[in-house]
Amino acid sequence: MSTPITARPLTPAAFAPYGDVMEATGTPDKVINQGKCGRFHDRAQLDFADGCAGISIFKGEIETLPLTLKMVERHPMGSQAFVPMSADGFLVVVAQDDGGVPTDPQAFLTRPGQAINFHRGTWHGVLTPLSEPGLFAVIDRIGDGANLEEHWFEETYVIAG
């Protein structure tokens, strides 16, 4: 038996318990480059126990909805940001933590131009592009130590769009 989850649009308010939504909306914080560029400043709270921030490129396999969710992961030593390198939306899955166990998974669909940053220790699904090319810049902790925990659900979830 699987529990259904309906993916909903990603909004900063709905995503706030899990991380930051990064997007260029509203009035820029500053206008730079001789008035030709709006700067939306400091849109994610990077948080690392130690080590340093690194930028990697991920190429994820395309998924389709409905999608079966079997596992989530978290990074106890650092936040993790996903910035799509194309104007395509993607699926974001998060879950609350209850004494080290993920509960109540939620699913969000991003709009083109949105990126996300998971807070340190947030349970989340794996990278889930829904269209080609599936390329993302990922900003996360680079350093020694175990920074990955996985949890496999006894009961799966099915995410629909």
C-alpha atoms as a PDB file:
ATOM      1  CA  MET A   1       0.000   0.000   0.000  1.00  0.00           C
ATOM      2  CA  SER A   2       1.217   3.477  -0.838  1.00  0.00           C
ATOM      3  CA  THR A   3       0.237   6.821   0.644  1.00  0.00           C
ATOM      4  CA  PRO A   4      -0.570   9.534  -1.930  1.00  0.00           C
ATOM      5  CA  ILE A   5       1.088  12.946  -1.877  1.00  0.00           C
ATOM      6  CA  THR A   6      -0.014  15.774  -4.151  1.00  0.00           C
ATOM      7  CA  ALA A   7       2.811  18.084  -5.201  1.00  0.00           C
ATOM      8  CA  ARG A   8       1.878  21.737  -4.763  1.00  0.00           C
ATOM      9  CA  PRO A   9       3.471  24.909  -6.061  1.00  0.00           C
ATOM     10  CA  LEU A  10       6.624  25.966  -4.232  1.00  0.00           C
ATOM     11  CA  THR A  11       6.207  29.160  -2.205  1.00  0.00           C
ATOM     12  CA  PRO A  12       8.629  30.751   0.268  1.00  0.00           C
ATOM     13  CA  ALA A  13       6.070  30.507   3.090  1.00  0.00           C
ATOM     14  CA  ALA A  14       5.276  26.807   2.553  1.00  0.00           C
ATOM     15  CA  PHE A  15       8.965  25.912   2.211  1.00  0.00           C
ATOM     16  CA  ALA A  16      10.248  28.030   5.146  1.00  0.00           C
ATOM     17  CA  PRO A  17      10.424  25.149   7.692  1.00  0.00           C
ATOM     18  CA  TYR A  18      12.744  23.241   5.330  1.00  0.00           C
ATOM     19  CA  GLY A  19      14.870  25.900   3.670  1.00  0.00           C
ATOM     20  CA  ASP A  20      15.006  28.931   1.399  1.00  0.00           C
ATOM     21  CA  VAL A  21      13.375  29.617  -1.961  1.00  0.00           C
ATOM     22  CA  MET A  22      15.700  31.623  -4.165  1.00  0.00           C
ATOM     23  CA  GLU A  23      14.097  33.663  -6.923  1.00  0.00           C
ATOM     24  CA  ALA A  24      14.279  37.112  -8.471  1.00  0.00           C
ATOM     25  CA  THR A  25      10.856  38.480  -7.589  1.00  0.00           C
ATOM     26  CA  GLY A  26       9.759  41.880  -6.382  1.00  0.00           C
ATOM     27  CA  THR A  27      12.080  44.854  -6.231  1.00  0.00           C
ATOM     28  CA  PRO A  28      15.816  44.103  -6.300  1.00  0.00           C
ATOM     29  CA  ASP A  29      17.754  44.868  -3.129  1.00  0.00           C
ATOM     30  CA  LYS A  30      20.212  46.885  -5.179  1.00  0.00           C
ATOM     31  CA  VAL A  31      20.674  47.977  -8.772  1.00  0.00           C
ATOM     32  CA  ILE A  32      24.246  47.517 -10.040  1.00  0.00           C
ATOM     33  CA  ASN A  33      26.289  47.507 -13.266  1.00  0.00           C
ATOM     34  CA  GLN A  34      25.402  51.027 -14.345  1.00  0.00           C
ATOM     35  CA  GLY A  35      21.710  50.395 -13.663  1.00  0.00           C
ATOM     36  CA  LYS A  36      21.512  47.319 -15.906  1.00  0.00           C
ATOM     37  CA  CYS A  37      21.321  44.573 -13.264  1.00  0.00           C
ATOM     38  CA  GLY A  38      19.069  43.990 -10.265  1.00  0.00           C
ATOM     39  CA  ARG A  39      20.763  42.230  -7.364  1.00  0.00           C
ATOM     40  CA  PHE A  40      18.554  40.055  -5.173  1.00  0.00           C
ATOM     41  CA  HIS A  41      21.031  39.799  -2.329  1.00  0.00           C
ATOM     42  CA  ASP A  42      21.787  36.926   0.070  1.00  0.00           C
ATOM     43  CA  ARG A  43      18.764  34.727  -0.705  1.00  0.00           C
ATOM     44  CA  ALA A  44      19.975  31.541   1.047  1.00  0.00           C
ATOM     45  CA  GLN A  45      21.370  30.819   4.482  1.00  0.00           C
ATOM     46  CA  LEU A  46      24.391  28.610   3.854  1.00  0.00           C
ATOM     47  CA  ASP A  47      25.236  26.763   7.066  1.00  0.00           C
ATOM     48  CA  PHE A  48      28.220  24.447   7.510  1.00  0.00           C
ATOM     49  CA  ALA A  49      29.490  22.773  10.680  1.00  0.00           C
ATOM     50  CA  ASP A  50      33.017  22.861   9.260  1.00  0.00           C
ATOM     51  CA  GLY A  51      34.703  22.534   5.891  1.00  0.00           C
ATOM     52  CA  CYS A  52      33.840  25.062   3.214  1.00  0.00           C
ATOM     53  CA  ALA A  53      31.242  25.847   0.571  1.00  0.00           C
ATOM     54  CA  GLY A  54      31.786  24.179  -2.768  1.00  0.00           C
ATOM     55  CA  ILE A  55      29.981  24.446  -6.083  1.00  0.00           C
ATOM     56  CA  SER A  56      29.449  21.211  -8.005  1.00  0.00           C
ATOM     57  CA  ILE A  57      27.516  20.402 -11.168  1.00  0.00           C
ATOM     58  CA  PHE A  58      24.945  17.587 -10.967  1.00  0.00           C
ATOM     59  CA  LYS A  59      23.314  15.945 -13.981  1.00  0.00           C
ATOM     60  CA  GLY A  60      20.186  14.152 -12.812  1.00  0.00           C
ATOM     61  CA  GLU A  61      18.090  11.570 -14.607  1.00  0.00           C
ATOM     62  CA  ILE A  62      14.691  12.842 -15.689  1.00  0.00           C
ATOM     63  CA  GLU A  63      11.722  11.572 -13.665  1.00  0.00           C
ATOM     64  CA  THR A  64       8.002  11.623 -14.370  1.00  0.00           C
ATOM     65  CA  LEU A  65       4.955  11.915 -12.162  1.00  0.00           C
ATOM     66  CA  PRO A  66       3.486   9.974 -10.555  1.00  0.00           C
ATOM     67  CA  LEU A  67       6.699   9.078  -8.734  1.00  0.00           C
ATOM     68  CA  THR A  68       7.178   6.509  -5.978  1.00  0.00           C
ATOM     69  CA  LEU A  69       9.053   7.921  -2.980  1.00  0.00           C
ATOM     70  CA  LYS A  70      10.995   5.191  -1.187  1.00  0.00           C
ATOM     71  CA  MET A  71      13.820   7.113   0.479  1.00  0.00           C
ATOM     72  CA  VAL A  72      14.838  10.525   1.786  1.00  0.00           C
ATOM     73  CA  GLU A  73      18.204  11.786   2.928  1.00  0.00           C
ATOM     74  CA  ARG A  74      19.687  14.618   4.962  1.00  0.00           C
ATOM     75  CA  HIS A  75      23.012  16.312   5.509  1.00  0.00           C
ATOM     76  CA  PRO A  76      23.695  16.953   9.217  1.00  0.00           C
ATOM     77  CA  MET A  77      26.877  18.936   8.600  1.00  0.00           C
ATOM     78  CA  GLY A  78      25.714  21.434   6.000  1.00  0.00           C
ATOM     79  CA  SER A  79      22.966  23.077   4.002  1.00  0.00           C
ATOM     80  CA  GLN A  80      22.537  22.171   0.335  1.00  0.00           C
ATOM     81  CA  ALA A  81      21.341  24.456  -2.479  1.00  0.00           C
ATOM     82  CA  PHE A  82      20.063  23.347  -5.898  1.00  0.00           C
ATOM     83  CA  VAL A  83      20.174  25.940  -8.675  1.00  0.00           C
ATOM     84  CA  PRO A  84      18.842  24.702 -12.024  1.00  0.00           C
ATOM     85  CA  MET A  85      21.029  25.586 -15.002  1.00  0.00           C
ATOM     86  CA  SER A  86      17.981  25.781 -17.307  1.00  0.00           C
ATOM     87  CA  ALA A  87      14.593  27.474 -17.077  1.00  0.00           C
ATOM     88  CA  ASP A  88      12.844  24.242 -16.111  1.00  0.00           C
ATOM     89  CA  GLY A  89      10.949  23.408 -12.965  1.00  0.00           C
ATOM     90  CA  PHE A  90      11.773  20.391 -10.801  1.00  0.00           C
ATOM     91  CA  LEU A  91      10.255  18.369  -7.971  1.00  0.00           C
ATOM     92  CA  VAL A  92      11.286  19.050  -4.369  1.00  0.00           C
ATOM     93  CA  VAL A  93      10.415  16.588  -1.582  1.00  0.00           C
ATOM     94  CA  VAL A  94      10.939  17.348   2.115  1.00  0.00           C
ATOM     95  CA  ALA A  95       9.907  15.802   5.427  1.00  0.00           C
ATOM     96  CA  GLN A  96       9.697  16.842   9.060  1.00  0.00           C
ATOM     97  CA  ASP A  97      12.059  15.259  11.591  1.00  0.00           C
ATOM     98  CA  ASP A  98      10.625  13.365  14.563  1.00  0.00           C
ATOM     99  CA  GLY A  99      13.481  12.187  16.772  1.00  0.00           C
ATOM    100  CA  GLY A 100      15.719  11.321  13.822  1.00  0.00           C
ATOM    101  CA  VAL A 101      12.930   9.809  11.711  1.00  0.00           C
ATOM    102  CA  PRO A 102      11.412  11.620   8.704  1.00  0.00           C
ATOM    103  CA  THR A 103       7.640  12.100   8.890  1.00  0.00           C
ATOM    104  CA  ASP A 104       4.880  13.742   6.849  1.00  0.00           C
ATOM    105  CA  PRO A 105       6.625  14.047   3.461  1.00  0.00           C
ATOM    106  CA  GLN A 106       5.626  17.066   1.377  1.00  0.00           C
ATOM    107  CA  ALA A 107       6.186  17.641  -2.339  1.00  0.00           C
ATOM    108  CA  PHE A 108       6.583  20.921  -4.212  1.00  0.00           C
ATOM    109  CA  LEU A 109       6.840  21.810  -7.890  1.00  0.00           C
ATOM    110  CA  THR A 110       9.134  24.711  -8.659  1.00  0.00           C
ATOM    111  CA  ARG A 111       8.451  27.311 -11.322  1.00  0.00           C
ATOM    112  CA  PRO A 112      11.080  28.252 -13.889  1.00  0.00           C
ATOM    113  CA  GLY A 113      13.508  30.641 -12.225  1.00  0.00           C
ATOM    114  CA  GLN A 114      13.207  29.151  -8.729  1.00  0.00           C
ATOM    115  CA  ALA A 115      16.055  27.493  -6.839  1.00  0.00           C
ATOM    116  CA  ILE A 116      16.080  26.041  -3.328  1.00  0.00           C
ATOM    117  CA  ASN A 117      18.403  25.700  -0.362  1.00  0.00           C
ATOM    118  CA  PHE A 118      17.745  22.947   2.187  1.00  0.00           C
ATOM    119  CA  HIS A 119      18.557  23.891   5.771  1.00  0.00           C
ATOM    120  CA  ARG A 120      21.198  21.762   7.445  1.00  0.00           C
ATOM    121  CA  GLY A 121      19.674  18.485   8.676  1.00  0.00           C
ATOM    122  CA  THR A 122      16.482  18.726   6.579  1.00  0.00           C
ATOM    123  CA  TRP A 123      15.132  15.411   5.285  1.00  0.00           C
ATOM    124  CA  HIS A 124      14.688  15.669   1.513  1.00  0.00           C
ATOM    125  CA  GLY A 125      14.216  13.610  -1.607  1.00  0.00           C
ATOM    126  CA  VAL A 126      16.958  13.179  -4.157  1.00  0.00           C
ATOM    127  CA  LEU A 127      17.455  15.542  -7.090  1.00  0.00           C
ATOM    128  CA  THR A 128      14.362  15.175  -9.279  1.00  0.00           C
ATOM    129  CA  PRO A 129      14.439  17.029 -12.602  1.00  0.00           C
ATOM    130  CA  LEU A 130      11.237  16.686 -14.598  1.00  0.00           C
ATOM    131  CA  SER A 131      12.713  17.732 -17.961  1.00  0.00           C
ATOM    132  CA  GLU A 132      15.978  17.821 -19.867  1.00  0.00           C
ATOM    133  CA  PRO A 133      18.795  18.658 -19.399  1.00  0.00           C
ATOM    134  CA  GLY A 134      18.650  17.972 -15.641  1.00  0.00           C
ATOM    135  CA  LEU A 135      21.699  20.156 -14.929  1.00  0.00           C
ATOM    136  CA  PHE A 136      22.047  21.874 -11.562  1.00  0.00           C
ATOM    137  CA  ALA A 137      24.689  23.899  -9.783  1.00  0.00           C
ATOM    138  CA  VAL A 138      24.800  22.532  -6.229  1.00  0.00           C
ATOM    139  CA  ILE A 139      26.294  24.554  -3.389  1.00  0.00           C
ATOM    140  CA  ASP A 140      27.058  22.423  -0.368  1.00  0.00           C
ATOM    141  CA  ARG A 141      29.632  21.514   2.257  1.00  0.00           C
ATOM    142  CA  ILE A 142      32.977  20.147   1.139  1.00  0.00           C
ATOM    143  CA  GLY A 143      34.912  18.506   3.953  1.00  0.00           C
ATOM    144  CA  ASP A 144      35.686  15.390   5.946  1.00  0.00           C
ATOM    145  CA  GLY A 145      33.152  13.413   7.936  1.00  0.00           C
ATOM    146  CA  ALA A 146      29.874  11.633   7.335  1.00  0.00           C
ATOM    147  CA  ASN A 147      27.473  14.212   5.933  1.00  0.00           C
ATOM    148  CA  LEU A 148      24.823  11.880   4.533  1.00  0.00           C
ATOM    149  CA  GLU A 149      22.041   9.998   6.319  1.00  0.00           C
ATOM    150  CA  GLU A 150      19.452   7.985   4.378  1.00  0.00           C
ATOM    151  CA  HIS A 151      16.060   6.757   5.537  1.00  0.00           C
ATOM    152  CA  TRP A 152      14.163   4.079   3.593  1.00  0.00           C
ATOM    153  CA  PHE A 153      10.413   4.138   4.246  1.00  0.00           C
ATOM    154  CA  GLU A 154       8.659   0.915   5.249  1.00  0.00           C
ATOM    155  CA  GLU A 155       5.598   2.184   3.378  1.00  0.00           C
ATOM    156  CA  THR A 156       6.162   4.009   0.105  1.00  0.00           C
ATOM    157  CA  TYR A 157       4.512   7.239  -1.005  1.00  0.00           C
ATOM    158  CA  VAL A 158       3.267   8.091  -4.496  1.00  0.00           C
ATOM    159  CA  ILE A 159       3.683  11.706  -5.584  1.00  0.00           C
ATOM    160  CA  ALA A 160       1.291  13.095  -8.186  1.00  0.00           C
ATOM    161  CA  GLY A 161       1.467  16.501  -9.853  1.00  0.00           C
END
